[in-house]
Amino acid sequence: WSWSQRDEAMARRILAASPPGARTLAVAGNAHTPASPIELGVPMGARLAEQRPGIREIRIRYSAGYFWNFEPRQFMRHTDPPGHTRLYQHNGDLHLDLPLATEAVVPRRPEPGPHAHA
């Protein structure tokens, strides 16, 4: 599967589980949430926006932690200590600061690495 096909499948699962008009929060990494195509292809957020006009993307800034991108990886730690969880609007865009990230449990990939938390 291509990256865009996988994101399309993710969007289909969300749409199937959430009837039109229902308030739904879909949480995914920043590469998957843009509401328009990006350099990687067509992300899940763009597929959702096609079917559900008016969705909002929230950009996440991770202060520390681990994520999966073909293998377990670690976020670069910012020079300042991890802060607090904060949702805010900047230039019309929504942003979420998270002090710590853990690997997601994703179907059809190896179990999370040793740094994942249950």
Protein backbone atom coordinates (compact mmCIF):
# COMPACT_ATOMS: atom_id res chain seq x y z
CA TRP A 1 0.00 0.00 0.00
CA SER A 2 1.09 3.54 -0.64
CA TRP A 3 1.12 6.15 2.11
CA SER A 4 -1.95 7.87 0.59
CA GLN A 5 -3.85 4.57 0.35
CA ARG A 6 -3.16 3.81 3.99
CA ASP A 7 -4.40 7.28 5.01
CA GLU A 8 -7.49 6.81 2.85
CA ALA A 9 -8.20 3.55 4.71
CA MET A 10 -7.78 5.38 8.03
CA ALA A 11 -10.30 8.02 6.90
CA ARG A 12 -12.78 5.34 5.77
CA ARG A 13 -12.65 3.73 9.23
CA ILE A 14 -13.36 7.06 10.93
CA LEU A 15 -16.20 7.92 8.54
CA ALA A 16 -17.76 4.47 9.00
CA ALA A 17 -17.69 4.81 12.78
CA SER A 18 -19.01 8.38 12.91
CA PRO A 19 -22.33 9.35 11.32
CA PRO A 20 -22.52 12.71 9.49
CA GLY A 21 -23.18 15.54 11.92
CA ALA A 22 -21.67 13.69 14.88
CA ARG A 23 -18.89 15.45 16.74
CA THR A 24 -15.77 13.36 16.32
CA LEU A 25 -12.18 13.79 17.41
CA ALA A 26 -9.65 11.83 15.35
CA VAL A 27 -6.15 11.85 16.79
CA ALA A 28 -3.20 11.08 14.53
CA GLY A 29 0.31 12.29 13.92
CA ASN A 30 0.90 15.63 12.23
CA ALA A 31 1.62 14.03 8.83
CA HIS A 32 -1.86 12.45 8.81
CA THR A 33 -4.02 15.38 9.92
CA PRO A 34 -3.60 18.16 7.30
CA ALA A 35 -6.91 18.99 5.60
CA SER A 36 -5.23 19.35 2.19
CA PRO A 37 -2.62 17.32 0.25
CA ILE A 38 1.01 17.50 1.40
CA GLU A 39 4.33 16.41 -0.08
CA LEU A 40 3.82 12.80 1.12
CA GLY A 41 0.47 12.54 -0.69
CA VAL A 42 -3.17 12.87 0.37
CA PRO A 43 -3.41 12.59 4.17
CA MET A 44 -6.29 11.25 6.22
CA GLY A 45 -7.37 14.79 7.14
CA ALA A 46 -7.79 15.75 3.48
CA ARG A 47 -9.90 12.65 2.86
CA LEU A 48 -12.06 13.52 5.86
CA ALA A 49 -12.41 17.13 4.67
CA GLU A 50 -13.72 15.88 1.31
CA GLN A 51 -16.58 14.10 3.10
CA ARG A 52 -17.08 16.38 6.09
CA PRO A 53 -16.54 20.05 5.17
CA GLY A 54 -15.62 22.27 8.08
CA ILE A 55 -13.24 19.91 9.89
CA ARG A 56 -10.39 21.55 11.78
CA GLU A 57 -6.81 20.41 11.92
CA ILE A 58 -4.88 20.74 15.17
CA ARG A 59 -1.09 20.87 14.85
CA ILE A 60 0.67 19.11 17.74
CA ARG A 61 4.02 20.19 19.17
CA TYR A 62 5.59 17.38 21.15
CA SER A 63 8.07 18.38 23.87
CA ALA A 64 9.49 14.88 24.30
CA GLY A 65 8.68 11.22 23.83
CA TYR A 66 8.56 8.49 21.23
CA PHE A 67 6.76 7.86 17.94
CA TRP A 68 6.66 5.33 15.10
CA ASN A 69 7.88 6.15 11.58
CA PHE A 70 8.80 2.81 10.01
CA GLU A 71 10.63 2.13 13.28
CA PRO A 72 10.56 3.45 16.86
CA ARG A 73 11.97 7.00 17.02
CA GLN A 74 12.41 9.69 19.63
CA PHE A 75 11.35 13.33 19.39
CA MET A 76 14.17 15.81 19.67
CA ARG A 77 13.94 17.28 23.14
CA HIS A 78 13.46 21.04 23.20
CA THR A 79 16.01 23.06 25.16
CA ASP A 80 13.34 24.14 27.63
CA PRO A 81 11.85 21.56 30.00
CA PRO A 82 8.56 19.96 28.93
CA GLY A 83 5.67 22.31 29.60
CA HIS A 84 1.99 21.77 30.15
CA THR A 85 -0.68 20.55 27.77
CA ARG A 86 -2.07 23.63 26.07
CA LEU A 87 -4.57 24.12 23.22
CA TYR A 88 -4.50 27.56 21.60
CA GLN A 89 -5.20 29.42 18.38
CA HIS A 90 -2.44 31.20 16.46
CA ASN A 91 -3.04 32.99 13.16
CA GLY A 92 -6.38 31.18 12.83
CA ASP A 93 -4.81 27.72 13.25
CA LEU A 94 -5.29 25.42 16.24
CA HIS A 95 -2.17 24.20 18.05
CA LEU A 96 -1.72 21.69 20.86
CA ASP A 97 1.42 21.55 23.01
CA LEU A 98 1.98 18.10 24.54
CA PRO A 99 4.70 17.51 27.12
CA LEU A 100 5.14 13.80 26.33
CA ALA A 101 4.25 11.52 23.41
CA THR A 102 4.16 7.73 23.30
CA GLU A 103 4.02 5.41 20.30
CA ALA A 104 0.55 4.67 19.01
CA VAL A 105 -0.72 1.11 18.81
CA VAL A 106 -1.32 0.66 15.08
CA PRO A 107 -2.94 -2.38 13.43
CA ARG A 108 -0.68 -4.46 11.20
CA ARG A 109 2.64 -3.29 12.57
CA PRO A 110 4.92 -4.73 15.25
CA GLU A 111 3.98 -4.15 18.85
CA PRO A 112 5.15 -0.78 20.27
CA GLY A 113 8.78 -0.55 21.22
CA PRO A 114 10.21 -0.67 24.74
CA HIS A 115 9.48 3.04 25.27
CA ALA A 116 5.72 2.77 24.66
CA HIS A 117 3.36 3.08 27.58
CA ALA A 118 0.09 1.19 27.92
